[in-house]
Amino acid sequence: QRLLAAVPQLTAVVHAAGAPQFQPIVETGLADLAEVLAAKAGGATHLDELLLDAPLDAFVLFSSVAGVWGSGGQAGYAAANAALDVVATRRAARGRGATSVAWGPWSEAGMAADATVTEHLRRRGLAALTPGVAVEAMQNLIDSGTTCGVIADIDWGRFAAAFTASGARPLLGDLDQVRRLAERPSGE
């Protein structure tokens, strides 16, 4: 609260906190979940409460695609990121603007900027976003008034094949790009 009071002309807030989590759910304890939830959802909720009546041009929450479709070894991280959508949706329902951006991996910075991780994700259909493209896409999402959106560079052929390897996924099945791929004759 003291920090916010020191910025009297505050017009926008970007909550970009994160706490990476890479462990199977069976090895994830309550303390592990509490840590990742506090960094993501706890901080966002606190900012929302503190700025409920502030006339902001933007209230942006940095989420992750892990919160949209899940990610192996990141159950707590996925849940914490999905909770950001709840904060944004609740804020929007109260007539306050909010944008929760579920990011795909970024190049050059972020939790997935490691070359090994970047290559692993690229092979599965998620290319790293360059910062310039990412920031422009984020501005477009904010300007559109979208409350919850995904910004990712997805190779649908690779991603859908990997994501649906163990069975159909309704989340992807209705996307035009995925449906067109499924309708193509083999070998095309």
N, C-alpha and C. Protein backbone atom coordinates (compact mmCIF):
# COMPACT_ATOMS: atom_id res chain seq x y z
N GLN A 1 0.82 -1.18 0.00
CA GLN A 1 0.00 0.00 0.00
C GLN A 1 0.88 1.26 0.00
N ARG A 2 1.96 1.22 0.77
CA ARG A 2 2.85 2.39 0.80
C ARG A 2 3.49 2.61 -0.56
N LEU A 3 3.86 1.53 -1.22
CA LEU A 3 4.47 1.65 -2.55
C LEU A 3 3.48 2.27 -3.53
N LEU A 4 2.25 1.82 -3.51
CA LEU A 4 1.24 2.39 -4.41
C LEU A 4 0.98 3.86 -4.10
N ALA A 5 1.02 4.23 -2.84
CA ALA A 5 0.82 5.64 -2.46
C ALA A 5 1.94 6.51 -2.98
N ALA A 6 3.12 5.91 -3.18
CA ALA A 6 4.27 6.67 -3.69
C ALA A 6 4.18 6.92 -5.19
N VAL A 7 3.19 6.32 -5.84
CA VAL A 7 3.01 6.50 -7.28
C VAL A 7 1.61 7.08 -7.50
N PRO A 8 1.45 8.37 -7.26
CA PRO A 8 0.10 8.96 -7.31
C PRO A 8 -0.51 8.99 -8.71
N GLN A 9 0.28 8.99 -9.74
CA GLN A 9 -0.23 9.04 -11.11
C GLN A 9 -0.27 7.66 -11.77
N LEU A 10 -0.44 6.63 -11.00
CA LEU A 10 -0.45 5.26 -11.51
C LEU A 10 -1.59 5.09 -12.51
N THR A 11 -1.26 4.67 -13.74
CA THR A 11 -2.28 4.48 -14.76
C THR A 11 -2.39 3.05 -15.26
N ALA A 12 -1.38 2.24 -14.96
CA ALA A 12 -1.41 0.85 -15.42
C ALA A 12 -0.61 -0.03 -14.47
N VAL A 13 -1.03 -1.29 -14.37
CA VAL A 13 -0.34 -2.26 -13.53
C VAL A 13 -0.12 -3.51 -14.37
N VAL A 14 1.10 -4.04 -14.30
CA VAL A 14 1.41 -5.32 -14.94
C VAL A 14 1.96 -6.24 -13.87
N HIS A 15 1.24 -7.30 -13.59
CA HIS A 15 1.66 -8.29 -12.60
C HIS A 15 2.34 -9.43 -13.37
N ALA A 16 3.66 -9.48 -13.26
CA ALA A 16 4.44 -10.46 -14.03
C ALA A 16 5.21 -11.41 -13.12
N ALA A 17 4.74 -11.60 -11.91
CA ALA A 17 5.43 -12.48 -10.97
C ALA A 17 5.29 -13.94 -11.40
N GLY A 18 6.27 -14.71 -11.04
CA GLY A 18 6.20 -16.13 -11.34
C GLY A 18 7.09 -16.93 -10.43
N ALA A 19 6.71 -18.15 -10.20
CA ALA A 19 7.51 -19.09 -9.42
C ALA A 19 7.46 -20.41 -10.17
N PRO A 20 8.55 -20.77 -10.84
CA PRO A 20 8.51 -21.99 -11.64
C PRO A 20 8.32 -23.23 -10.78
N GLN A 21 7.69 -24.22 -11.35
CA GLN A 21 7.47 -25.49 -10.66
C GLN A 21 7.66 -26.60 -11.68
N PHE A 22 8.55 -27.51 -11.40
CA PHE A 22 8.80 -28.63 -12.30
C PHE A 22 8.91 -29.90 -11.46
N GLN A 23 7.77 -30.49 -11.14
CA GLN A 23 7.77 -31.75 -10.42
C GLN A 23 6.43 -32.43 -10.60
N PRO A 24 6.42 -33.75 -10.62
CA PRO A 24 5.15 -34.48 -10.76
C PRO A 24 4.20 -34.15 -9.61
N ILE A 25 2.92 -34.22 -9.87
CA ILE A 25 1.91 -33.87 -8.86
C ILE A 25 2.05 -34.75 -7.63
N VAL A 26 2.43 -36.01 -7.80
CA VAL A 26 2.56 -36.91 -6.63
C VAL A 26 3.71 -36.50 -5.72
N GLU A 27 4.64 -35.69 -6.24
CA GLU A 27 5.76 -35.20 -5.43
C GLU A 27 5.55 -33.77 -4.96
N THR A 28 4.40 -33.20 -5.27
CA THR A 28 4.11 -31.81 -4.94
C THR A 28 3.38 -31.75 -3.60
N GLY A 29 4.00 -31.13 -2.64
CA GLY A 29 3.38 -30.99 -1.32
C GLY A 29 2.61 -29.69 -1.20
N LEU A 30 1.93 -29.55 -0.07
CA LEU A 30 1.15 -28.34 0.17
C LEU A 30 2.03 -27.09 0.19
N ALA A 31 3.22 -27.20 0.74
CA ALA A 31 4.13 -26.05 0.78
C ALA A 31 4.53 -25.63 -0.63
N ASP A 32 4.77 -26.62 -1.51
CA ASP A 32 5.11 -26.31 -2.91
C ASP A 32 3.97 -25.57 -3.58
N LEU A 33 2.74 -26.05 -3.39
CA LEU A 33 1.57 -25.41 -3.99
C LEU A 33 1.37 -24.01 -3.42
N ALA A 34 1.54 -23.87 -2.11
CA ALA A 34 1.36 -22.57 -1.48
C ALA A 34 2.35 -21.54 -2.02
N GLU A 35 3.58 -21.97 -2.26
CA GLU A 35 4.61 -21.05 -2.77
C GLU A 35 4.26 -20.53 -4.15
N VAL A 36 3.90 -21.42 -5.05
CA VAL A 36 3.61 -20.98 -6.42
C VAL A 36 2.28 -20.21 -6.47
N LEU A 37 1.30 -20.60 -5.68
CA LEU A 37 0.03 -19.87 -5.64
C LEU A 37 0.20 -18.47 -5.05
N ALA A 38 1.03 -18.34 -4.03
CA ALA A 38 1.25 -17.02 -3.43
C ALA A 38 1.89 -16.06 -4.42
N ALA A 39 2.87 -16.54 -5.18
CA ALA A 39 3.57 -15.66 -6.13
C ALA A 39 2.65 -15.20 -7.25
N LYS A 40 1.85 -16.08 -7.77
CA LYS A 40 1.00 -15.73 -8.91
C LYS A 40 -0.35 -15.18 -8.46
N ALA A 41 -1.18 -16.03 -7.90
CA ALA A 41 -2.56 -15.67 -7.57
C ALA A 41 -2.64 -14.75 -6.37
N GLY A 42 -1.83 -15.00 -5.35
CA GLY A 42 -1.87 -14.16 -4.15
C GLY A 42 -1.51 -12.73 -4.45
N GLY A 43 -0.43 -12.53 -5.19
CA GLY A 43 -0.01 -11.18 -5.55
C GLY A 43 -1.04 -10.46 -6.40
N ALA A 44 -1.61 -11.18 -7.37
CA ALA A 44 -2.61 -10.57 -8.26
C ALA A 44 -3.87 -10.19 -7.49
N THR A 45 -4.29 -11.06 -6.60
CA THR A 45 -5.49 -10.78 -5.79
C THR A 45 -5.26 -9.57 -4.90
N HIS A 46 -4.08 -9.51 -4.32
CA HIS A 46 -3.75 -8.36 -3.45
C HIS A 46 -3.76 -7.05 -4.26
N LEU A 47 -3.14 -7.06 -5.44
CA LEU A 47 -3.15 -5.86 -6.28
C LEU A 47 -4.57 -5.47 -6.66
N ASP A 48 -5.38 -6.45 -6.99
CA ASP A 48 -6.77 -6.18 -7.35
C ASP A 48 -7.50 -5.48 -6.20
N GLU A 49 -7.31 -6.01 -5.00
CA GLU A 49 -7.97 -5.41 -3.83
C GLU A 49 -7.49 -3.99 -3.57
N LEU A 50 -6.17 -3.79 -3.68
CA LEU A 50 -5.61 -2.46 -3.42
C LEU A 50 -6.02 -1.43 -4.47
N LEU A 51 -6.24 -1.88 -5.69
CA LEU A 51 -6.51 -0.97 -6.81
C LEU A 51 -7.95 -1.06 -7.31
N LEU A 52 -8.82 -1.56 -6.48
CA LEU A 52 -10.21 -1.76 -6.89
C LEU A 52 -10.86 -0.49 -7.42
N ASP A 53 -10.61 0.62 -6.79
CA ASP A 53 -11.26 1.87 -7.20
C ASP A 53 -10.34 2.81 -7.98
N ALA A 54 -9.12 2.35 -8.29
CA ALA A 54 -8.18 3.20 -9.03
C ALA A 54 -8.59 3.27 -10.50
N PRO A 55 -8.57 4.47 -11.08
CA PRO A 55 -8.93 4.62 -12.50
C PRO A 55 -7.74 4.23 -13.40
N LEU A 56 -7.57 2.95 -13.64
CA LEU A 56 -6.43 2.46 -14.41
C LEU A 56 -6.78 2.32 -15.89
N ASP A 57 -5.79 2.58 -16.73
CA ASP A 57 -5.94 2.33 -18.16
C ASP A 57 -5.77 0.84 -18.47
N ALA A 58 -4.98 0.15 -17.63
CA ALA A 58 -4.74 -1.28 -17.86
C ALA A 58 -4.38 -1.97 -16.54
N PHE A 59 -4.88 -3.17 -16.38
CA PHE A 59 -4.55 -4.05 -15.26
C PHE A 59 -4.24 -5.38 -15.93
N VAL A 60 -2.96 -5.68 -16.07
CA VAL A 60 -2.52 -6.83 -16.88
C VAL A 60 -1.87 -7.88 -15.99
N LEU A 61 -2.31 -9.11 -16.16
CA LEU A 61 -1.78 -10.24 -15.41
C LEU A 61 -1.06 -11.17 -16.37
N PHE A 62 0.20 -11.48 -16.07
CA PHE A 62 0.97 -12.41 -16.91
C PHE A 62 0.70 -13.83 -16.43
N SER A 63 -0.03 -14.56 -17.23
CA SER A 63 -0.36 -15.95 -16.96
C SER A 63 0.49 -16.81 -17.90
N SER A 64 0.13 -18.05 -18.02
CA SER A 64 0.89 -18.99 -18.86
C SER A 64 -0.07 -19.94 -19.55
N VAL A 65 0.36 -20.43 -20.70
CA VAL A 65 -0.44 -21.44 -21.39
C VAL A 65 -0.59 -22.68 -20.54
N ALA A 66 0.27 -22.88 -19.55
CA ALA A 66 0.13 -24.02 -18.63
C ALA A 66 -1.22 -23.95 -17.92
N GLY A 67 -1.73 -22.76 -17.67
CA GLY A 67 -3.02 -22.60 -17.02
C GLY A 67 -4.19 -22.82 -17.96
N VAL A 68 -3.95 -22.85 -19.26
CA VAL A 68 -5.01 -23.06 -20.24
C VAL A 68 -5.16 -24.54 -20.56
N TRP A 69 -4.05 -25.19 -20.91
CA TRP A 69 -4.14 -26.60 -21.30
C TRP A 69 -3.28 -27.53 -20.48
N GLY A 70 -2.65 -27.01 -19.43
CA GLY A 70 -1.84 -27.85 -18.56
C GLY A 70 -0.43 -28.01 -19.09
N SER A 71 0.42 -28.59 -18.26
CA SER A 71 1.80 -28.80 -18.64
C SER A 71 2.39 -29.84 -17.69
N GLY A 72 3.02 -30.84 -18.25
CA GLY A 72 3.58 -31.92 -17.44
C GLY A 72 4.51 -31.40 -16.36
N GLY A 73 4.33 -31.87 -15.15
CA GLY A 73 5.18 -31.49 -14.04
C GLY A 73 4.91 -30.09 -13.51
N GLN A 74 3.80 -29.48 -13.91
CA GLN A 74 3.53 -28.11 -13.48
C GLN A 74 2.09 -27.92 -13.00
N ALA A 75 1.58 -28.88 -12.26
CA ALA A 75 0.17 -28.81 -11.83
C ALA A 75 -0.10 -27.57 -10.98
N GLY A 76 0.75 -27.30 -10.01
CA GLY A 76 0.54 -26.12 -9.17
C GLY A 76 0.70 -24.83 -9.95
N TYR A 77 1.69 -24.80 -10.82
CA TYR A 77 1.93 -23.63 -11.66
C TYR A 77 0.73 -23.40 -12.59
N ALA A 78 0.21 -24.49 -13.16
CA ALA A 78 -0.96 -24.39 -14.04
C ALA A 78 -2.16 -23.84 -13.27
N ALA A 79 -2.40 -24.36 -12.07
CA ALA A 79 -3.52 -23.89 -11.26
C ALA A 79 -3.36 -22.42 -10.88
N ALA A 80 -2.15 -22.02 -10.52
CA ALA A 80 -1.90 -20.63 -10.14
C ALA A 80 -2.15 -19.69 -11.32
N ASN A 81 -1.76 -20.11 -12.50
CA ASN A 81 -1.97 -19.28 -13.68
C ASN A 81 -3.44 -19.24 -14.07
N ALA A 82 -4.15 -20.34 -13.94
CA ALA A 82 -5.59 -20.34 -14.21
C ALA A 82 -6.31 -19.41 -13.23
N ALA A 83 -5.80 -19.32 -12.02
CA ALA A 83 -6.41 -18.43 -11.02
C ALA A 83 -6.33 -16.97 -11.45
N LEU A 84 -5.31 -16.62 -12.25
CA LEU A 84 -5.22 -15.24 -12.74
C LEU A 84 -6.40 -14.90 -13.65
N ASP A 85 -6.86 -15.89 -14.41
CA ASP A 85 -8.06 -15.66 -15.24
C ASP A 85 -9.26 -15.34 -14.35
N VAL A 86 -9.34 -15.98 -13.20
CA VAL A 86 -10.44 -15.73 -12.26
C VAL A 86 -10.35 -14.29 -11.74
N VAL A 87 -9.15 -13.87 -11.37
CA VAL A 87 -8.97 -12.49 -10.88
C VAL A 87 -9.40 -11.50 -11.96
N ALA A 88 -8.95 -11.72 -13.20
CA ALA A 88 -9.30 -10.80 -14.29
C ALA A 88 -10.81 -10.82 -14.57
N THR A 89 -11.40 -11.99 -14.59
CA THR A 89 -12.84 -12.12 -14.88
C THR A 89 -13.67 -11.46 -13.78
N ARG A 90 -13.28 -11.68 -12.55
CA ARG A 90 -13.99 -11.05 -11.41
C ARG A 90 -13.87 -9.53 -11.48
N ARG A 91 -12.68 -9.07 -11.82
CA ARG A 91 -12.44 -7.62 -11.93
C ARG A 91 -13.31 -7.03 -13.05
N ALA A 92 -13.34 -7.71 -14.19
CA ALA A 92 -14.14 -7.24 -15.32
C ALA A 92 -15.64 -7.24 -14.98
N ALA A 93 -16.08 -8.23 -14.22
CA ALA A 93 -17.49 -8.31 -13.82
C ALA A 93 -17.88 -7.13 -12.93
N ARG A 94 -16.90 -6.57 -12.23
CA ARG A 94 -17.15 -5.39 -11.39
C ARG A 94 -17.00 -4.10 -12.18
N GLY A 95 -16.81 -4.21 -13.49
CA GLY A 95 -16.69 -3.02 -14.32
C GLY A 95 -15.31 -2.42 -14.37
N ARG A 96 -14.33 -3.16 -13.93
CA ARG A 96 -12.94 -2.71 -13.95
C ARG A 96 -12.21 -3.48 -15.02
N GLY A 97 -11.49 -2.78 -15.87
CA GLY A 97 -10.76 -3.45 -16.93
C GLY A 97 -9.66 -4.35 -16.39
N ALA A 98 -9.46 -5.46 -17.07
CA ALA A 98 -8.39 -6.39 -16.72
C ALA A 98 -8.11 -7.27 -17.92
N THR A 99 -6.85 -7.64 -18.06
CA THR A 99 -6.45 -8.56 -19.12
C THR A 99 -5.50 -9.59 -18.53
N SER A 100 -5.88 -10.86 -18.62
CA SER A 100 -5.01 -11.95 -18.21
C SER A 100 -4.44 -12.55 -19.49
N VAL A 101 -3.12 -12.48 -19.64
CA VAL A 101 -2.46 -12.97 -20.85
C VAL A 101 -1.78 -14.30 -20.54
N ALA A 102 -2.27 -15.36 -21.15
CA ALA A 102 -1.64 -16.68 -21.01
C ALA A 102 -0.55 -16.77 -22.07
N TRP A 103 0.68 -16.59 -21.63
CA TRP A 103 1.81 -16.53 -22.55
C TRP A 103 2.32 -17.91 -22.93
N GLY A 104 2.70 -18.04 -24.20
CA GLY A 104 3.54 -19.13 -24.63
C GLY A 104 4.97 -18.76 -24.28
N PRO A 105 5.93 -19.59 -24.61
CA PRO A 105 7.32 -19.28 -24.25
C PRO A 105 7.84 -18.06 -24.99
N TRP A 106 8.73 -17.31 -24.31
CA TRP A 106 9.40 -16.16 -24.89
C TRP A 106 10.84 -16.55 -25.21
N SER A 107 11.39 -15.94 -26.23
CA SER A 107 12.83 -16.06 -26.47
C SER A 107 13.53 -14.97 -25.67
N GLU A 108 14.78 -15.14 -25.43
CA GLU A 108 15.64 -14.13 -24.80
C GLU A 108 15.42 -13.90 -23.31
N ALA A 109 14.24 -14.18 -22.78
CA ALA A 109 13.97 -13.94 -21.35
C ALA A 109 12.82 -14.82 -20.90
N GLY A 110 12.69 -14.96 -19.62
CA GLY A 110 11.58 -15.72 -19.07
C GLY A 110 11.98 -17.12 -18.66
N MET A 111 11.01 -17.84 -18.11
CA MET A 111 11.27 -19.17 -17.56
C MET A 111 11.61 -20.21 -18.62
N ALA A 112 11.23 -19.98 -19.86
CA ALA A 112 11.48 -20.96 -20.92
C ALA A 112 12.59 -20.52 -21.87
N ALA A 113 13.39 -19.53 -21.49
CA ALA A 113 14.40 -18.98 -22.40
C ALA A 113 15.64 -19.85 -22.54
N ASP A 114 15.78 -20.86 -21.72
CA ASP A 114 16.90 -21.80 -21.83
C ASP A 114 16.85 -22.50 -23.18
N ALA A 115 17.99 -22.63 -23.86
CA ALA A 115 18.04 -23.21 -25.22
C ALA A 115 17.47 -24.63 -25.25
N THR A 116 17.74 -25.43 -24.24
CA THR A 116 17.23 -26.81 -24.20
C THR A 116 15.72 -26.82 -24.07
N VAL A 117 15.20 -25.97 -23.19
CA VAL A 117 13.75 -25.88 -23.00
C VAL A 117 13.08 -25.35 -24.26
N THR A 118 13.67 -24.32 -24.85
CA THR A 118 13.12 -23.73 -26.08
C THR A 118 13.02 -24.78 -27.18
N GLU A 119 14.06 -25.57 -27.37
CA GLU A 119 14.05 -26.61 -28.40
C GLU A 119 13.02 -27.69 -28.08
N HIS A 120 12.93 -28.09 -26.82
CA HIS A 120 11.94 -29.09 -26.39
C HIS A 120 10.53 -28.62 -26.73
N LEU A 121 10.22 -27.37 -26.41
CA LEU A 121 8.89 -26.82 -26.68
C LEU A 121 8.65 -26.66 -28.18
N ARG A 122 9.67 -26.23 -28.92
CA ARG A 122 9.52 -26.07 -30.37
C ARG A 122 9.18 -27.40 -31.04
N ARG A 123 9.83 -28.48 -30.61
CA ARG A 123 9.54 -29.80 -31.17
C ARG A 123 8.11 -30.23 -30.89
N ARG A 124 7.51 -29.68 -29.87
CA ARG A 124 6.13 -30.00 -29.52
C ARG A 124 5.13 -28.96 -30.04
N GLY A 125 5.63 -28.02 -30.84
CA GLY A 125 4.73 -27.09 -31.51
C GLY A 125 4.62 -25.72 -30.89
N LEU A 126 5.42 -25.41 -29.88
CA LEU A 126 5.38 -24.08 -29.26
C LEU A 126 6.69 -23.36 -29.51
N ALA A 127 6.68 -22.47 -30.49
CA ALA A 127 7.87 -21.68 -30.79
C ALA A 127 7.97 -20.51 -29.83
N ALA A 128 9.18 -20.09 -29.54
CA ALA A 128 9.39 -18.96 -28.63
C ALA A 128 9.04 -17.65 -29.32
N LEU A 129 8.35 -16.79 -28.60
CA LEU A 129 7.97 -15.47 -29.08
C LEU A 129 9.13 -14.50 -28.91
N THR A 130 9.37 -13.68 -29.92
CA THR A 130 10.36 -12.63 -29.73
C THR A 130 9.70 -11.53 -28.90
N PRO A 131 10.46 -10.85 -28.04
CA PRO A 131 9.85 -9.84 -27.18
C PRO A 131 9.06 -8.77 -27.93
N GLY A 132 9.56 -8.29 -29.05
CA GLY A 132 8.84 -7.26 -29.80
C GLY A 132 7.48 -7.73 -30.27
N VAL A 133 7.43 -8.92 -30.82
CA VAL A 133 6.16 -9.50 -31.29
C VAL A 133 5.22 -9.72 -30.10
N ALA A 134 5.78 -10.21 -28.99
CA ALA A 134 4.97 -10.49 -27.81
C ALA A 134 4.34 -9.22 -27.25
N VAL A 135 5.11 -8.17 -27.14
CA VAL A 135 4.60 -6.91 -26.58
C VAL A 135 3.54 -6.31 -27.51
N GLU A 136 3.76 -6.37 -28.81
CA GLU A 136 2.76 -5.86 -29.75
C GLU A 136 1.46 -6.66 -29.66
N ALA A 137 1.58 -7.98 -29.56
CA ALA A 137 0.38 -8.82 -29.43
C ALA A 137 -0.35 -8.51 -28.12
N MET A 138 0.41 -8.29 -27.05
CA MET A 138 -0.21 -7.96 -25.77
C MET A 138 -0.98 -6.63 -25.87
N GLN A 139 -0.38 -5.63 -26.51
CA GLN A 139 -1.07 -4.35 -26.66
C GLN A 139 -2.36 -4.52 -27.45
N ASN A 140 -2.32 -5.34 -28.50
CA ASN A 140 -3.52 -5.61 -29.29
C ASN A 140 -4.60 -6.29 -28.44
N LEU A 141 -4.19 -7.22 -27.58
CA LEU A 141 -5.14 -7.92 -26.71
C LEU A 141 -5.77 -6.93 -25.72
N ILE A 142 -4.95 -6.09 -25.12
CA ILE A 142 -5.46 -5.08 -24.18
C ILE A 142 -6.42 -4.13 -24.90
N ASP A 143 -6.01 -3.64 -26.06
CA ASP A 143 -6.84 -2.70 -26.82
C ASP A 143 -8.17 -3.32 -27.24
N SER A 144 -8.20 -4.62 -27.45
CA SER A 144 -9.43 -5.28 -27.89
C SER A 144 -10.45 -5.43 -26.76
N GLY A 145 -10.01 -5.21 -25.52
CA GLY A 145 -10.91 -5.37 -24.38
C GLY A 145 -11.07 -6.82 -23.93
N THR A 146 -10.25 -7.70 -24.45
CA THR A 146 -10.31 -9.12 -24.08
C THR A 146 -9.90 -9.28 -22.63
N THR A 147 -10.66 -10.04 -21.87
CA THR A 147 -10.34 -10.26 -20.47
C THR A 147 -9.31 -11.37 -20.30
N CYS A 148 -9.46 -12.47 -21.01
CA CYS A 148 -8.54 -13.60 -20.91
C CYS A 148 -8.17 -14.04 -22.32
N GLY A 149 -6.87 -14.04 -22.61
CA GLY A 149 -6.43 -14.43 -23.94
C GLY A 149 -5.12 -15.17 -23.90
N VAL A 150 -4.82 -15.84 -25.00
CA VAL A 150 -3.58 -16.60 -25.15
C VAL A 150 -2.74 -15.93 -26.23
N ILE A 151 -1.45 -15.76 -25.95
CA ILE A 151 -0.51 -15.28 -26.95
C ILE A 151 0.59 -16.32 -27.04
N ALA A 152 0.60 -17.02 -28.16
CA ALA A 152 1.58 -18.09 -28.36
C ALA A 152 1.79 -18.30 -29.84
N ASP A 153 2.97 -18.73 -30.22
CA ASP A 153 3.29 -19.07 -31.60
C ASP A 153 3.19 -20.59 -31.70
N ILE A 154 2.08 -21.07 -32.24
CA ILE A 154 1.78 -22.50 -32.22
C ILE A 154 1.83 -23.10 -33.62
N ASP A 155 2.59 -24.16 -33.76
CA ASP A 155 2.57 -25.00 -34.95
C ASP A 155 1.51 -26.06 -34.67
N TRP A 156 0.30 -25.83 -35.20
CA TRP A 156 -0.84 -26.67 -34.84
C TRP A 156 -0.64 -28.14 -35.20
N GLY A 157 0.04 -28.40 -36.29
CA GLY A 157 0.28 -29.80 -36.67
C GLY A 157 1.08 -30.53 -35.60
N ARG A 158 2.15 -29.93 -35.15
CA ARG A 158 2.98 -30.56 -34.10
C ARG A 158 2.26 -30.54 -32.75
N PHE A 159 1.70 -29.38 -32.41
CA PHE A 159 1.10 -29.24 -31.08
C PHE A 159 -0.10 -30.16 -30.92
N ALA A 160 -1.01 -30.14 -31.88
CA ALA A 160 -2.21 -30.98 -31.77
C ALA A 160 -1.85 -32.45 -31.72
N ALA A 161 -0.87 -32.86 -32.52
CA ALA A 161 -0.46 -34.27 -32.51
C ALA A 161 0.07 -34.66 -31.15
N ALA A 162 0.90 -33.83 -30.55
CA ALA A 162 1.45 -34.14 -29.24
C ALA A 162 0.39 -34.05 -28.15
N PHE A 163 -0.46 -33.04 -28.21
CA PHE A 163 -1.45 -32.80 -27.17
C PHE A 163 -2.55 -33.85 -27.17
N THR A 164 -2.84 -34.40 -28.32
CA THR A 164 -3.92 -35.39 -28.41
C THR A 164 -3.40 -36.82 -28.54
N ALA A 165 -2.12 -37.05 -28.31
CA ALA A 165 -1.53 -38.38 -28.47
C ALA A 165 -2.23 -39.44 -27.61
N SER A 166 -2.72 -39.05 -26.44
CA SER A 166 -3.37 -40.03 -25.56
C SER A 166 -4.89 -39.99 -25.68
N GLY A 167 -5.42 -39.22 -26.61
CA GLY A 167 -6.87 -39.18 -26.81
C GLY A 167 -7.33 -37.81 -27.26
N ALA A 168 -8.58 -37.74 -27.69
CA ALA A 168 -9.16 -36.49 -28.16
C ALA A 168 -9.21 -35.47 -27.04
N ARG A 169 -9.03 -34.22 -27.39
CA ARG A 169 -9.07 -33.12 -26.42
C ARG A 169 -10.08 -32.09 -26.91
N PRO A 170 -11.24 -32.00 -26.24
CA PRO A 170 -12.26 -31.03 -26.66
C PRO A 170 -11.73 -29.61 -26.75
N LEU A 171 -10.78 -29.24 -25.92
CA LEU A 171 -10.22 -27.88 -25.94
C LEU A 171 -9.71 -27.53 -27.33
N LEU A 172 -9.05 -28.47 -27.99
CA LEU A 172 -8.47 -28.20 -29.30
C LEU A 172 -9.37 -28.63 -30.45
N GLY A 173 -10.21 -29.60 -30.24
CA GLY A 173 -11.02 -30.18 -31.31
C GLY A 173 -11.90 -29.20 -32.06
N ASP A 174 -12.29 -28.11 -31.41
CA ASP A 174 -13.18 -27.14 -32.05
C ASP A 174 -12.44 -25.99 -32.73
N LEU A 175 -11.12 -25.96 -32.62
CA LEU A 175 -10.35 -24.91 -33.29
C LEU A 175 -10.28 -25.18 -34.79
N ASP A 176 -10.55 -24.15 -35.59
CA ASP A 176 -10.54 -24.31 -37.04
C ASP A 176 -9.23 -24.88 -37.56
N GLN A 177 -8.10 -24.37 -37.04
CA GLN A 177 -6.79 -24.84 -37.53
C GLN A 177 -6.61 -26.32 -37.26
N VAL A 178 -7.02 -26.79 -36.10
CA VAL A 178 -6.88 -28.20 -35.74
C VAL A 178 -7.87 -29.04 -36.54
N ARG A 179 -9.09 -28.56 -36.71
CA ARG A 179 -10.10 -29.30 -37.46
C ARG A 179 -9.65 -29.49 -38.91
N ARG A 180 -9.09 -28.44 -39.51
CA ARG A 180 -8.60 -28.55 -40.90
C ARG A 180 -7.49 -29.59 -41.00
N LEU A 181 -6.60 -29.63 -40.03
CA LEU A 181 -5.54 -30.63 -40.03
C LEU A 181 -6.12 -32.04 -39.95
N ALA A 182 -7.12 -32.21 -39.10
CA ALA A 182 -7.73 -33.53 -38.92
C ALA A 182 -8.48 -33.99 -40.17
N GLU A 183 -9.00 -33.03 -40.95
CA GLU A 183 -9.77 -33.37 -42.14
C GLU A 183 -8.89 -33.66 -43.36
N ARG A 184 -7.61 -33.32 -43.29
CA ARG A 184 -6.70 -33.58 -44.41
C ARG A 184 -6.48 -35.06 -44.61
N PRO A 185 -6.44 -35.49 -45.86
CA PRO A 185 -6.10 -36.90 -46.10
C PRO A 185 -4.67 -37.18 -45.66
N SER A 186 -4.39 -38.39 -45.23
CA SER A 186 -3.04 -38.77 -44.80
C SER A 186 -2.04 -38.52 -45.90
N GLY A 187 -0.84 -38.13 -45.51
CA GLY A 187 0.23 -37.90 -46.48
C GLY A 187 0.27 -36.52 -47.08
N GLU A 188 -0.68 -35.68 -46.77
CA GLU A 188 -0.72 -34.32 -47.32
C GLU A 188 0.17 -33.41 -46.54
